[in-house]
Protein backbone atom coordinates (compact mmCIF):
# COMPACT_ATOMS: atom_id res chain seq x y z
CA MET A 1 150.93 34.45 59.44
CA SER A 2 153.00 37.72 58.66
CA THR A 3 150.37 40.83 58.19
CA PHE A 4 151.05 44.65 57.52
CA HIS A 5 148.38 45.94 59.84
CA ALA A 6 147.34 45.22 63.90
CA VAL A 7 144.62 46.92 65.75
CA VAL A 8 144.70 46.46 69.61
CA TRP A 9 142.06 46.94 71.71
CA LEU A 10 142.95 46.94 75.28
CA ASP A 11 141.94 47.53 78.57
CA HIS A 12 143.24 46.64 82.28
CA GLN A 13 141.79 43.03 82.12
CA GLU A 14 142.55 41.69 78.46
CA ALA A 15 143.88 42.67 75.18
CA HIS A 16 141.56 41.77 71.76
CA LEU A 17 144.54 41.40 68.80
CA ALA A 18 143.85 41.45 65.09
CA PHE A 19 146.09 41.03 62.56
CA PHE A 20 145.21 41.66 58.87
CA ASP A 21 146.29 42.54 55.78
CA ARG A 22 144.10 42.63 52.10
CA ASP A 23 143.34 38.96 52.27
CA HIS A 24 143.38 37.36 55.72
CA ALA A 25 142.54 38.17 59.16
CA SER A 26 143.29 36.96 62.29
CA THR A 27 142.59 37.24 66.13
CA GLN A 28 144.14 36.88 69.54
CA ARG A 29 143.26 37.64 72.82
CA ILE A 30 145.95 38.20 75.77
CA HIS A 31 144.46 38.20 79.37
CA SER A 32 146.49 40.76 82.19
CA LYS A 33 148.30 38.40 84.92
CA SER A 34 148.11 41.47 86.96
CA GLN A 35 145.86 41.44 90.55
CA HIS A 36 143.59 43.99 90.42
CA LYS A 37 142.92 46.42 93.93
CA HIS A 38 140.42 48.13 94.88
CA GLN A 39 139.32 51.46 93.55
CA GLY A 40 140.28 50.63 90.09
CA LYS A 41 143.62 50.83 90.46
CA THR A 42 146.05 47.79 89.42
CA THR A 43 149.52 46.61 90.16
CA ASP A 44 152.29 46.91 87.66
CA MET A 45 151.35 46.20 84.18
CA SER A 46 154.44 45.50 82.38
CA ALA A 47 154.36 41.79 82.11
CA PHE A 48 150.78 42.22 80.03
CA PHE A 49 152.39 44.90 78.05
CA ALA A 50 155.24 43.13 77.27
CA ASP A 51 152.94 40.17 75.84
CA ILE A 52 151.15 42.94 73.76
CA ALA A 53 154.17 43.83 72.49
CA THR A 54 155.71 40.68 71.43
CA ALA A 55 152.65 40.01 69.41
CA VAL A 56 153.04 43.18 67.24
CA LYS A 57 156.43 43.02 66.58
CA ASN A 58 156.66 42.09 63.23
CA CYS A 59 153.56 44.21 62.12
CA HIS A 60 154.36 47.38 60.26
CA GLU A 61 151.65 49.64 61.94
CA VAL A 62 149.50 49.09 64.84
CA LEU A 63 146.56 50.77 65.98
CA LEU A 64 145.51 51.36 69.80
CA THR A 65 141.90 51.28 70.49
CA GLY A 66 140.17 51.05 73.93
CA PRO A 67 137.48 52.54 76.64
CA GLY A 68 140.00 53.92 78.91
CA LEU A 69 143.53 54.95 79.99
CA THR A 70 145.30 51.48 79.74
CA ARG A 71 146.02 51.92 75.62
CA LEU A 72 148.01 55.26 76.86
CA GLN A 73 149.74 53.46 79.47
CA PHE A 74 150.73 51.05 77.39
CA LYS A 75 151.44 53.47 74.41
CA ASP A 76 153.77 55.24 76.96
CA TRP A 77 155.22 51.75 78.17
CA TYR A 78 156.18 50.70 74.18
CA ALA A 79 158.05 54.14 73.86
CA GLN A 80 160.04 53.28 76.47
CA HIS A 81 160.65 49.80 76.44
CA ALA A 82 160.71 48.88 72.86
CA SER A 83 161.67 52.22 71.65
CA ALA A 84 162.87 51.00 68.27
CA LEU A 85 159.72 49.90 67.30
CA ALA A 86 157.35 52.80 69.18
CA ASN A 87 157.06 54.55 65.82
CA ILE A 88 154.74 51.33 64.40
CA VAL A 89 151.73 52.37 66.49
CA VAL A 90 150.22 55.07 64.42
CA ASP A 91 147.20 56.28 66.51
CA SER A 92 145.26 56.05 69.75
CA ILE A 93 141.35 55.79 69.71
CA ALA A 94 139.16 55.88 72.04
CA SER A 95 136.35 53.24 71.38
CA ASP A 96 133.58 50.79 73.25
CA HIS A 97 133.96 46.76 73.45
CA PRO A 98 133.60 45.93 69.62
CA THR A 99 133.59 42.48 68.19
CA ASP A 100 136.85 40.78 66.37
CA ALA A 101 134.55 41.43 63.30
CA GLN A 102 133.60 44.89 64.26
CA LEU A 103 137.33 45.56 65.15
CA VAL A 104 138.77 44.50 62.33
CA ALA A 105 136.24 46.24 60.01
CA MET A 106 137.07 49.82 62.21
CA ALA A 107 140.70 49.16 61.35
CA ARG A 108 140.40 48.47 57.66
CA GLN A 109 138.71 51.80 57.78
CA TYR A 110 141.23 53.67 59.50
CA PHE A 111 144.41 52.05 57.58
CA LYS A 112 142.85 52.91 53.86
CA LYS A 113 144.25 56.34 54.35
CA PHE A 114 147.76 54.91 55.54
CA ASP A 115 147.58 52.23 52.29
CA ALA A 116 146.96 55.15 50.03
CA MET A 117 149.57 57.35 51.15
CA ALA A 118 152.35 54.47 51.27
CA ALA A 119 151.12 53.05 48.00
CA ASP A 120 150.97 49.67 50.25
CA PRO A 121 150.57 47.02 46.94
CA THR A 122 148.89 44.94 49.60
CA GLN A 123 146.14 46.96 50.15
CA VAL A 124 145.17 47.88 46.67
């Protein structure tokens, strides 16, 4: 399904992705395959980030959210490795761990301002 918006909640272990437009929503989970070291440090997250980037590549706007720094690290990685698409990441917001339904509801509310400015006909 091709959708206009996506929201990605992520931490160092997994990403919850929700893709949606006015009439449809679907979710997907991606788990990090990196080995975790002591003291909260992780190994290279490139493969995890690449999986997320592949999942959102056809979206027009992506909102990042999550509890820690991983979302900021993904945003930086994305700007370096997918620079042609880096402008689709519209914001990064700190949040706790929502359910998939809460994630979609939060993102729908967030994207209302973009849809009004862009006069997106899929959101009317």
